[in-house]
């Protein structure tokens, strides 16, 4: 983990900033969203990938890419959450009181 953060810190910061930007511009949801069944399958897929990374099931270069991809995905989601929260906070503060 320390190796990944030492050599790929620029990419990791980029994934956080990209997530922040996407969270900032996509506060309003106009679609129906993801169905409950698809949400369950996606969360099971992510859980299986995290378990494979912790169990070191995937050896070599592909395991390295899996670890890096999961870290970047987690940082992207954290950036999305922070950007969305800050945008909501800014918009709610500047809204006129009813």
PDB file of N, CA and C in Angstrom:
ATOM      1  N   UNK A   1       0.822  -1.185   0.000  1.00  0.00           N
ATOM      2  CA  UNK A   1       0.000   0.000   0.000  1.00  0.00           C
ATOM      3  C   UNK A   1       0.867   1.250   0.000  1.00  0.00           C
ATOM      4  N   UNK A   2       1.897   1.249   0.798  1.00  0.00           N
ATOM      5  CA  UNK A   2       2.781   2.416   0.841  1.00  0.00           C
ATOM      6  C   UNK A   2       3.489   2.606  -0.497  1.00  0.00           C
ATOM      7  N   UNK A   3       3.790   1.515  -1.170  1.00  0.00           N
ATOM      8  CA  UNK A   3       4.421   1.595  -2.482  1.00  0.00           C
ATOM      9  C   UNK A   3       3.491   2.278  -3.480  1.00  0.00           C
ATOM     10  N   UNK A   4       2.224   1.925  -3.438  1.00  0.00           N
ATOM     11  CA  UNK A   4       1.263   2.527  -4.357  1.00  0.00           C
ATOM     12  C   UNK A   4       1.101   4.015  -4.100  1.00  0.00           C
ATOM     13  N   UNK A   5       1.004   4.397  -2.839  1.00  0.00           N
ATOM     14  CA  UNK A   5       0.826   5.808  -2.529  1.00  0.00           C
ATOM     15  C   UNK A   5       2.090   6.617  -2.807  1.00  0.00           C
ATOM     16  N   UNK A   6       3.255   6.005  -2.683  1.00  0.00           N
ATOM     17  CA  UNK A   6       4.496   6.715  -2.951  1.00  0.00           C
ATOM     18  C   UNK A   6       4.682   6.993  -4.432  1.00  0.00           C
ATOM     19  N   UNK A   7       4.430   6.010  -5.266  1.00  0.00           N
ATOM     20  CA  UNK A   7       4.718   6.158  -6.683  1.00  0.00           C
ATOM     21  C   UNK A   7       3.529   6.637  -7.514  1.00  0.00           C
ATOM     22  N   UNK A   8       2.327   6.512  -7.007  1.00  0.00           N
ATOM     23  CA  UNK A   8       1.152   6.923  -7.771  1.00  0.00           C
ATOM     24  C   UNK A   8       0.351   8.002  -7.056  1.00  0.00           C
ATOM     25  N   UNK A   9       1.015   8.826  -6.255  1.00  0.00           N
ATOM     26  CA  UNK A   9       0.292   9.844  -5.507  1.00  0.00           C
ATOM     27  C   UNK A   9      -0.392  10.843  -6.442  1.00  0.00           C
ATOM     28  N   UNK A  10       0.186  11.136  -7.569  1.00  0.00           N
ATOM     29  CA  UNK A  10      -0.437  12.055  -8.518  1.00  0.00           C
ATOM     30  C   UNK A  10      -1.740  11.508  -9.085  1.00  0.00           C
ATOM     31  N   UNK A  11      -1.734  10.230  -9.427  1.00  0.00           N
ATOM     32  CA  UNK A  11      -2.943   9.589  -9.930  1.00  0.00           C
ATOM     33  C   UNK A  11      -4.006   9.490  -8.839  1.00  0.00           C
ATOM     34  N   UNK A  12      -3.576   9.247  -7.612  1.00  0.00           N
ATOM     35  CA  UNK A  12      -4.531   9.148  -6.510  1.00  0.00           C
ATOM     36  C   UNK A  12      -5.161  10.506  -6.213  1.00  0.00           C
ATOM     37  N   UNK A  13      -4.344  11.558  -6.233  1.00  0.00           N
ATOM     38  CA  UNK A  13      -4.876  12.904  -6.041  1.00  0.00           C
ATOM     39  C   UNK A  13      -5.805  13.268  -7.201  1.00  0.00           C
ATOM     40  N   UNK A  14      -5.420  12.862  -8.401  1.00  0.00           N
ATOM     41  CA  UNK A  14      -6.275  13.112  -9.558  1.00  0.00           C
ATOM     42  C   UNK A  14      -7.622  12.426  -9.450  1.00  0.00           C
ATOM     43  N   UNK A  15      -7.654  11.211  -8.927  1.00  0.00           N
ATOM     44  CA  UNK A  15      -8.933  10.515  -8.778  1.00  0.00           C
ATOM     45  C   UNK A  15      -9.806  11.192  -7.723  1.00  0.00           C
ATOM     46  N   UNK A  16      -9.195  11.714  -6.659  1.00  0.00           N
ATOM     47  CA  UNK A  16      -9.971  12.448  -5.650  1.00  0.00           C
ATOM     48  C   UNK A  16     -10.530  13.726  -6.255  1.00  0.00           C
ATOM     49  N   UNK A  17      -9.697  14.460  -6.996  1.00  0.00           N
ATOM     50  CA  UNK A  17     -10.153  15.708  -7.592  1.00  0.00           C
ATOM     51  C   UNK A  17     -11.222  15.482  -8.656  1.00  0.00           C
ATOM     52  N   UNK A  18     -11.067  14.430  -9.445  1.00  0.00           N
ATOM     53  CA  UNK A  18     -12.088  14.108 -10.434  1.00  0.00           C
ATOM     54  C   UNK A  18     -13.401  13.731  -9.756  1.00  0.00           C
ATOM     55  N   UNK A  19     -13.319  12.957  -8.688  1.00  0.00           N
ATOM     56  CA  UNK A  19     -14.517  12.616  -7.924  1.00  0.00           C
ATOM     57  C   UNK A  19     -15.167  13.840  -7.308  1.00  0.00           C
ATOM     58  N   UNK A  20     -14.344  14.761  -6.796  1.00  0.00           N
ATOM     59  CA  UNK A  20     -14.865  16.002  -6.225  1.00  0.00           C
ATOM     60  C   UNK A  20     -15.608  16.808  -7.287  1.00  0.00           C
ATOM     61  N   UNK A  21     -15.005  16.912  -8.480  1.00  0.00           N
ATOM     62  CA  UNK A  21     -15.640  17.663  -9.564  1.00  0.00           C
ATOM     63  C   UNK A  21     -16.947  17.007 -10.000  1.00  0.00           C
ATOM     64  N   UNK A  22     -16.961  15.685 -10.100  1.00  0.00           N
ATOM     65  CA  UNK A  22     -18.188  14.996 -10.506  1.00  0.00           C
ATOM     66  C   UNK A  22     -19.262  15.109  -9.432  1.00  0.00           C
ATOM     67  N   UNK A  23     -18.870  15.050  -8.177  1.00  0.00           N
ATOM     68  CA  UNK A  23     -19.835  15.235  -7.099  1.00  0.00           C
ATOM     69  C   UNK A  23     -20.380  16.650  -7.061  1.00  0.00           C
ATOM     70  N   UNK A  24     -19.547  17.624  -7.400  1.00  0.00           N
ATOM     71  CA  UNK A  24     -19.968  19.021  -7.380  1.00  0.00           C
ATOM     72  C   UNK A  24     -20.995  19.307  -8.480  1.00  0.00           C
ATOM     73  N   UNK A  25     -20.785  18.741  -9.677  1.00  0.00           N
ATOM     74  CA  UNK A  25     -21.674  19.088 -10.786  1.00  0.00           C
ATOM     75  C   UNK A  25     -22.883  18.172 -10.900  1.00  0.00           C
ATOM     76  N   UNK A  26     -22.941  17.088 -10.173  1.00  0.00           N
ATOM     77  CA  UNK A  26     -24.051  16.144 -10.350  1.00  0.00           C
ATOM     78  C   UNK A  26     -24.854  15.962  -9.072  1.00  0.00           C
ATOM     79  N   UNK A  27     -25.264  17.059  -8.464  1.00  0.00           N
ATOM     80  CA  UNK A  27     -26.056  16.969  -7.241  1.00  0.00           C
ATOM     81  C   UNK A  27     -27.487  16.565  -7.550  1.00  0.00           C
ATOM     82  N   UNK A  28     -28.061  17.131  -8.587  1.00  0.00           N
ATOM     83  CA  UNK A  28     -29.457  16.882  -8.915  1.00  0.00           C
ATOM     84  C   UNK A  28     -29.573  15.577  -9.690  1.00  0.00           C
ATOM     85  N   UNK A  29     -30.403  14.677  -9.195  1.00  0.00           N
ATOM     86  CA  UNK A  29     -30.636  13.410  -9.878  1.00  0.00           C
ATOM     87  C   UNK A  29     -32.011  13.461 -10.528  1.00  0.00           C
ATOM     88  N   UNK A  30     -32.030  13.313 -11.831  1.00  0.00           N
ATOM     89  CA  UNK A  30     -33.297  13.387 -12.552  1.00  0.00           C
ATOM     90  C   UNK A  30     -33.779  12.033 -13.024  1.00  0.00           C
ATOM     91  N   UNK A  31     -32.925  11.030 -12.949  1.00  0.00           N
ATOM     92  CA  UNK A  31     -33.311   9.705 -13.410  1.00  0.00           C
ATOM     93  C   UNK A  31     -33.891   8.868 -12.290  1.00  0.00           C
ATOM     94  N   UNK A  32     -34.281   7.644 -12.637  1.00  0.00           N
ATOM     95  CA  UNK A  32     -34.845   6.728 -11.653  1.00  0.00           C
ATOM     96  C   UNK A  32     -33.761   6.102 -10.789  1.00  0.00           C
ATOM     97  N   UNK A  33     -32.532   6.078 -11.267  1.00  0.00           N
ATOM     98  CA  UNK A  33     -31.458   5.466 -10.510  1.00  0.00           C
ATOM     99  C   UNK A  33     -31.283   4.004 -10.866  1.00  0.00           C
ATOM    100  N   UNK A  34     -30.524   3.327 -10.062  1.00  0.00           N
ATOM    101  CA  UNK A  34     -30.206   1.923 -10.289  1.00  0.00           C
ATOM    102  C   UNK A  34     -31.233   1.070  -9.549  1.00  0.00           C
ATOM    103  N   UNK A  35     -31.662  -0.006 -10.189  1.00  0.00           N
ATOM    104  CA  UNK A  35     -32.647  -0.879  -9.549  1.00  0.00           C
ATOM    105  C   UNK A  35     -32.025  -1.576  -8.334  1.00  0.00           C
ATOM    106  N   UNK A  36     -32.883  -2.069  -7.493  1.00  0.00           N
ATOM    107  CA  UNK A  36     -32.428  -2.715  -6.262  1.00  0.00           C
ATOM    108  C   UNK A  36     -31.622  -3.979  -6.549  1.00  0.00           C
ATOM    109  N   UNK A  37     -32.058  -4.745  -7.544  1.00  0.00           N
ATOM    110  CA  UNK A  37     -31.371  -5.982  -7.893  1.00  0.00           C
ATOM    111  C   UNK A  37     -29.987  -5.687  -8.461  1.00  0.00           C
ATOM    112  N   UNK A  38     -29.865  -4.701  -9.345  1.00  0.00           N
ATOM    113  CA  UNK A  38     -28.571  -4.332  -9.912  1.00  0.00           C
ATOM    114  C   UNK A  38     -27.644  -3.766  -8.838  1.00  0.00           C
ATOM    115  N   UNK A  39     -28.200  -2.997  -7.924  1.00  0.00           N
ATOM    116  CA  UNK A  39     -27.406  -2.455  -6.817  1.00  0.00           C
ATOM    117  C   UNK A  39     -26.829  -3.585  -5.961  1.00  0.00           C
ATOM    118  N   UNK A  40     -27.614  -4.629  -5.729  1.00  0.00           N
ATOM    119  CA  UNK A  40     -27.128  -5.767  -4.954  1.00  0.00           C
ATOM    120  C   UNK A  40     -25.998  -6.468  -5.685  1.00  0.00           C
ATOM    121  N   UNK A  41     -26.148  -6.685  -6.991  1.00  0.00           N
ATOM    122  CA  UNK A  41     -25.108  -7.360  -7.768  1.00  0.00           C
ATOM    123  C   UNK A  41     -23.831  -6.523  -7.836  1.00  0.00           C
ATOM    124  N   UNK A  42     -23.956  -5.223  -7.978  1.00  0.00           N
ATOM    125  CA  UNK A  42     -22.769  -4.364  -8.016  1.00  0.00           C
ATOM    126  C   UNK A  42     -22.041  -4.356  -6.679  1.00  0.00           C
ATOM    127  N   UNK A  43     -22.786  -4.321  -5.596  1.00  0.00           N
ATOM    128  CA  UNK A  43     -22.137  -4.351  -4.284  1.00  0.00           C
ATOM    129  C   UNK A  43     -21.499  -5.716  -4.027  1.00  0.00           C
ATOM    130  N   UNK A  44     -22.097  -6.792  -4.511  1.00  0.00           N
ATOM    131  CA  UNK A  44     -21.485  -8.116  -4.383  1.00  0.00           C
ATOM    132  C   UNK A  44     -20.198  -8.195  -5.205  1.00  0.00           C
ATOM    133  N   UNK A  45     -20.197  -7.599  -6.393  1.00  0.00           N
ATOM    134  CA  UNK A  45     -18.996  -7.570  -7.223  1.00  0.00           C
ATOM    135  C   UNK A  45     -17.868  -6.803  -6.543  1.00  0.00           C
ATOM    136  N   UNK A  46     -18.182  -5.655  -5.981  1.00  0.00           N
ATOM    137  CA  UNK A  46     -17.163  -4.866  -5.282  1.00  0.00           C
ATOM    138  C   UNK A  46     -16.655  -5.627  -4.061  1.00  0.00           C
ATOM    139  N   UNK A  47     -17.538  -6.269  -3.334  1.00  0.00           N
ATOM    140  CA  UNK A  47     -17.120  -7.048  -2.163  1.00  0.00           C
ATOM    141  C   UNK A  47     -16.208  -8.208  -2.573  1.00  0.00           C
ATOM    142  N   UNK A  48     -16.525  -8.854  -3.692  1.00  0.00           N
ATOM    143  CA  UNK A  48     -15.679  -9.958  -4.175  1.00  0.00           C
ATOM    144  C   UNK A  48     -14.308  -9.440  -4.611  1.00  0.00           C
ATOM    145  N   UNK A  49     -14.268  -8.290  -5.253  1.00  0.00           N
ATOM    146  CA  UNK A  49     -12.982  -7.717  -5.653  1.00  0.00           C
ATOM    147  C   UNK A  49     -12.139  -7.306  -4.451  1.00  0.00           C
ATOM    148  N   UNK A  50     -12.770  -6.733  -3.453  1.00  0.00           N
ATOM    149  CA  UNK A  50     -12.043  -6.360  -2.231  1.00  0.00           C
ATOM    150  C   UNK A  50     -11.547  -7.607  -1.511  1.00  0.00           C
ATOM    151  N   UNK A  51     -12.356  -8.654  -1.458  1.00  0.00           N
ATOM    152  CA  UNK A  51     -11.933  -9.905  -0.828  1.00  0.00           C
ATOM    153  C   UNK A  51     -10.766 -10.529  -1.593  1.00  0.00           C
ATOM    154  N   UNK A  52     -10.802 -10.455  -2.924  1.00  0.00           N
ATOM    155  CA  UNK A  52      -9.692 -10.982  -3.729  1.00  0.00           C
ATOM    156  C   UNK A  52      -8.418 -10.179  -3.494  1.00  0.00           C
ATOM    157  N   UNK A  53      -8.557  -8.876  -3.310  1.00  0.00           N
ATOM    158  CA  UNK A  53      -7.382  -8.048  -3.055  1.00  0.00           C
ATOM    159  C   UNK A  53      -6.792  -8.342  -1.676  1.00  0.00           C
ATOM    160  N   UNK A  54      -7.655  -8.454  -0.661  1.00  0.00           N
ATOM    161  CA  UNK A  54      -7.153  -8.741   0.689  1.00  0.00           C
ATOM    162  C   UNK A  54      -6.607 -10.157   0.806  1.00  0.00           C
ATOM    163  N   UNK A  55      -7.207 -11.083   0.094  1.00  0.00           N
ATOM    164  CA  UNK A  55      -6.746 -12.468   0.130  1.00  0.00           C
ATOM    165  C   UNK A  55      -5.570 -12.750  -0.781  1.00  0.00           C
ATOM    166  N   UNK A  56      -5.180 -11.755  -1.560  1.00  0.00           N
ATOM    167  CA  UNK A  56      -4.079 -11.876  -2.525  1.00  0.00           C
ATOM    168  C   UNK A  56      -4.288 -13.076  -3.447  1.00  0.00           C
ATOM    169  N   UNK A  57      -5.506 -13.170  -3.951  1.00  0.00           N
ATOM    170  CA  UNK A  57      -5.873 -14.256  -4.846  1.00  0.00           C
ATOM    171  C   UNK A  57      -5.285 -14.037  -6.233  1.00  0.00           C
ATOM    172  N   UNK A  58      -5.240 -12.786  -6.664  1.00  0.00           N
ATOM    173  CA  UNK A  58      -4.742 -12.446  -7.991  1.00  0.00           C
ATOM    174  C   UNK A  58      -3.255 -12.108  -7.867  1.00  0.00           C
ATOM    175  N   UNK A  59      -2.366 -12.913  -8.440  1.00  0.00           N
ATOM    176  CA  UNK A  59      -0.934 -12.670  -8.270  1.00  0.00           C
ATOM    177  C   UNK A  59      -0.377 -11.737  -9.353  1.00  0.00           C
ATOM    178  N   UNK A  60       0.799 -11.230  -9.088  1.00  0.00           N
ATOM    179  CA  UNK A  60       1.568 -10.511 -10.089  1.00  0.00           C
ATOM    180  C   UNK A  60       1.024  -9.144 -10.450  1.00  0.00           C
ATOM    181  N   UNK A  61       1.203  -8.824 -11.727  1.00  0.00           N
ATOM    182  CA  UNK A  61       0.845  -7.506 -12.232  1.00  0.00           C
ATOM    183  C   UNK A  61      -0.653  -7.238 -12.144  1.00  0.00           C
ATOM    184  N   UNK A  62      -1.464  -8.254 -12.400  1.00  0.00           N
ATOM    185  CA  UNK A  62      -2.909  -8.050 -12.354  1.00  0.00           C
ATOM    186  C   UNK A  62      -3.391  -7.786 -10.924  1.00  0.00           C
ATOM    187  N   UNK A  63      -2.781  -8.403  -9.948  1.00  0.00           N
ATOM    188  CA  UNK A  63      -3.103  -8.113  -8.556  1.00  0.00           C
ATOM    189  C   UNK A  63      -2.702  -6.699  -8.171  1.00  0.00           C
ATOM    190  N   UNK A  64      -1.587  -6.255  -8.697  1.00  0.00           N
ATOM    191  CA  UNK A  64      -1.116  -4.891  -8.473  1.00  0.00           C
ATOM    192  C   UNK A  64      -2.108  -3.901  -9.071  1.00  0.00           C
ATOM    193  N   UNK A  65      -2.568  -4.175 -10.297  1.00  0.00           N
ATOM    194  CA  UNK A  65      -3.550  -3.309 -10.937  1.00  0.00           C
ATOM    195  C   UNK A  65      -4.884  -3.334 -10.192  1.00  0.00           C
ATOM    196  N   UNK A  66      -5.247  -4.490  -9.669  1.00  0.00           N
ATOM    197  CA  UNK A  66      -6.481  -4.595  -8.894  1.00  0.00           C
ATOM    198  C   UNK A  66      -6.405  -3.726  -7.645  1.00  0.00           C
ATOM    199  N   UNK A  67      -5.294  -3.800  -6.932  1.00  0.00           N
ATOM    200  CA  UNK A  67      -5.124  -2.973  -5.736  1.00  0.00           C
ATOM    201  C   UNK A  67      -5.173  -1.492  -6.080  1.00  0.00           C
ATOM    202  N   UNK A  68      -4.452  -1.110  -7.119  1.00  0.00           N
ATOM    203  CA  UNK A  68      -4.433   0.291  -7.522  1.00  0.00           C
ATOM    204  C   UNK A  68      -5.809   0.756  -7.978  1.00  0.00           C
ATOM    205  N   UNK A  69      -6.512  -0.057  -8.727  1.00  0.00           N
ATOM    206  CA  UNK A  69      -7.855   0.302  -9.187  1.00  0.00           C
ATOM    207  C   UNK A  69      -8.841   0.447  -8.050  1.00  0.00           C
ATOM    208  N   UNK A  70      -8.759  -0.444  -7.065  1.00  0.00           N
ATOM    209  CA  UNK A  70      -9.674  -0.349  -5.923  1.00  0.00           C
ATOM    210  C   UNK A  70      -9.386   0.886  -5.077  1.00  0.00           C
ATOM    211  N   UNK A  71      -8.115   1.209  -4.909  1.00  0.00           N
ATOM    212  CA  UNK A  71      -7.768   2.414  -4.153  1.00  0.00           C
ATOM    213  C   UNK A  71      -8.259   3.656  -4.886  1.00  0.00           C
ATOM    214  N   UNK A  72      -8.038   3.691  -6.202  1.00  0.00           N
ATOM    215  CA  UNK A  72      -8.489   4.846  -6.977  1.00  0.00           C
ATOM    216  C   UNK A  72     -10.009   4.954  -6.981  1.00  0.00           C
ATOM    217  N   UNK A  73     -10.705   3.829  -7.042  1.00  0.00           N
ATOM    218  CA  UNK A  73     -12.163   3.837  -7.014  1.00  0.00           C
ATOM    219  C   UNK A  73     -12.682   4.342  -5.668  1.00  0.00           C
ATOM    220  N   UNK A  74     -12.062   3.894  -4.581  1.00  0.00           N
ATOM    221  CA  UNK A  74     -12.478   4.343  -3.253  1.00  0.00           C
ATOM    222  C   UNK A  74     -12.229   5.842  -3.081  1.00  0.00           C
ATOM    223  N   UNK A  75     -11.084   6.327  -3.542  1.00  0.00           N
ATOM    224  CA  UNK A  75     -10.805   7.755  -3.449  1.00  0.00           C
ATOM    225  C   UNK A  75     -11.741   8.571  -4.328  1.00  0.00           C
ATOM    226  N   UNK A  76     -12.087   8.038  -5.492  1.00  0.00           N
ATOM    227  CA  UNK A  76     -13.048   8.707  -6.368  1.00  0.00           C
ATOM    228  C   UNK A  76     -14.406   8.835  -5.678  1.00  0.00           C
ATOM    229  N   UNK A  77     -14.864   7.759  -5.050  1.00  0.00           N
ATOM    230  CA  UNK A  77     -16.150   7.804  -4.352  1.00  0.00           C
ATOM    231  C   UNK A  77     -16.119   8.775  -3.172  1.00  0.00           C
ATOM    232  N   UNK A  78     -15.003   8.821  -2.454  1.00  0.00           N
ATOM    233  CA  UNK A  78     -14.870   9.786  -1.355  1.00  0.00           C
ATOM    234  C   UNK A  78     -14.906  11.209  -1.891  1.00  0.00           C
ATOM    235  N   UNK A  79     -14.223  11.459  -3.011  1.00  0.00           N
ATOM    236  CA  UNK A  79     -14.265  12.777  -3.632  1.00  0.00           C
ATOM    237  C   UNK A  79     -15.662  13.142  -4.088  1.00  0.00           C
ATOM    238  N   UNK A  80     -16.394  12.171  -4.644  1.00  0.00           N
ATOM    239  CA  UNK A  80     -17.784  12.412  -5.050  1.00  0.00           C
ATOM    240  C   UNK A  80     -18.648  12.785  -3.855  1.00  0.00           C
ATOM    241  N   UNK A  81     -18.471  12.083  -2.768  1.00  0.00           N
ATOM    242  CA  UNK A  81     -19.278  12.353  -1.575  1.00  0.00           C
ATOM    243  C   UNK A  81     -18.988  13.738  -1.019  1.00  0.00           C
ATOM    244  N   UNK A  82     -17.720  14.111  -0.953  1.00  0.00           N
ATOM    245  CA  UNK A  82     -17.361  15.421  -0.416  1.00  0.00           C
ATOM    246  C   UNK A  82     -17.839  16.533  -1.350  1.00  0.00           C
ATOM    247  N   UNK A  83     -17.647  16.368  -2.659  1.00  0.00           N
ATOM    248  CA  UNK A  83     -18.102  17.378  -3.609  1.00  0.00           C
ATOM    249  C   UNK A  83     -19.603  17.555  -3.590  1.00  0.00           C
ATOM    250  N   UNK A  84     -20.327  16.466  -3.514  1.00  0.00           N
ATOM    251  CA  UNK A  84     -21.786  16.526  -3.454  1.00  0.00           C
ATOM    252  C   UNK A  84     -22.256  17.192  -2.170  1.00  0.00           C
ATOM    253  N   UNK A  85     -21.637  16.846  -1.066  1.00  0.00           N
ATOM    254  CA  UNK A  85     -22.006  17.435   0.216  1.00  0.00           C
ATOM    255  C   UNK A  85     -21.719  18.926   0.240  1.00  0.00           C
ATOM    256  N   UNK A  86     -20.547  19.334  -0.267  1.00  0.00           N
ATOM    257  CA  UNK A  86     -20.215  20.759  -0.273  1.00  0.00           C
ATOM    258  C   UNK A  86     -21.133  21.544  -1.202  1.00  0.00           C
ATOM    259  N   UNK A  87     -21.456  20.979  -2.357  1.00  0.00           N
ATOM    260  CA  UNK A  87     -22.369  21.661  -3.272  1.00  0.00           C
ATOM    261  C   UNK A  87     -23.742  21.823  -2.638  1.00  0.00           C
ATOM    262  N   UNK A  88     -24.229  20.799  -1.972  1.00  0.00           N
ATOM    263  CA  UNK A  88     -25.515  20.879  -1.296  1.00  0.00           C
ATOM    264  C   UNK A  88     -25.475  21.939  -0.201  1.00  0.00           C
ATOM    265  N   UNK A  89     -24.388  22.009   0.532  1.00  0.00           N
ATOM    266  CA  UNK A  89     -24.238  22.987   1.601  1.00  0.00           C
ATOM    267  C   UNK A  89     -24.220  24.405   1.044  1.00  0.00           C
ATOM    268  N   UNK A  90     -23.493  24.623  -0.056  1.00  0.00           N
ATOM    269  CA  UNK A  90     -23.410  25.939  -0.665  1.00  0.00           C
ATOM    270  C   UNK A  90     -24.763  26.367  -1.225  1.00  0.00           C
ATOM    271  N   UNK A  91     -25.444  25.461  -1.912  1.00  0.00           N
ATOM    272  CA  UNK A  91     -26.738  25.783  -2.514  1.00  0.00           C
ATOM    273  C   UNK A  91     -27.783  26.049  -1.427  1.00  0.00           C
ATOM    274  N   UNK A  92     -27.773  25.279  -0.353  1.00  0.00           N
ATOM    275  CA  UNK A  92     -28.767  25.462   0.696  1.00  0.00           C
ATOM    276  C   UNK A  92     -28.518  26.749   1.475  1.00  0.00           C
ATOM    277  N   UNK A  93     -27.284  27.189   1.560  1.00  0.00           N
ATOM    278  CA  UNK A  93     -26.994  28.457   2.250  1.00  0.00           C
ATOM    279  C   UNK A  93     -27.419  29.666   1.426  1.00  0.00           C
ATOM    280  N   UNK A  94     -27.293  29.541   0.093  1.00  0.00           N
ATOM    281  CA  UNK A  94     -27.612  30.700  -0.750  1.00  0.00           C
ATOM    282  C   UNK A  94     -29.060  30.731  -1.200  1.00  0.00           C
ATOM    283  N   UNK A  95     -29.847  29.733  -0.839  1.00  0.00           N
ATOM    284  CA  UNK A  95     -31.258  29.708  -1.218  1.00  0.00           C
ATOM    285  C   UNK A  95     -32.022  30.729  -0.366  1.00  0.00           C
ATOM    286  N   UNK A  96     -32.963  31.454  -0.982  1.00  0.00           N
ATOM    287  CA  UNK A  96     -33.746  32.421  -0.198  1.00  0.00           C
ATOM    288  C   UNK A  96     -34.686  31.705   0.770  1.00  0.00           C
ATOM    289  N   UNK A  97     -34.853  32.267   1.914  1.00  0.00           N
ATOM    290  CA  UNK A  97     -35.735  31.647   2.913  1.00  0.00           C
ATOM    291  C   UNK A  97     -37.194  31.853   2.513  1.00  0.00           C
ATOM    292  N   UNK A  98     -37.999  30.854   2.783  1.00  0.00           N
ATOM    293  CA  UNK A  98     -39.399  30.888   2.335  1.00  0.00           C
ATOM    294  C   UNK A  98     -40.290  31.582   3.317  1.00  0.00           C
TER     295      UNK A  98
END
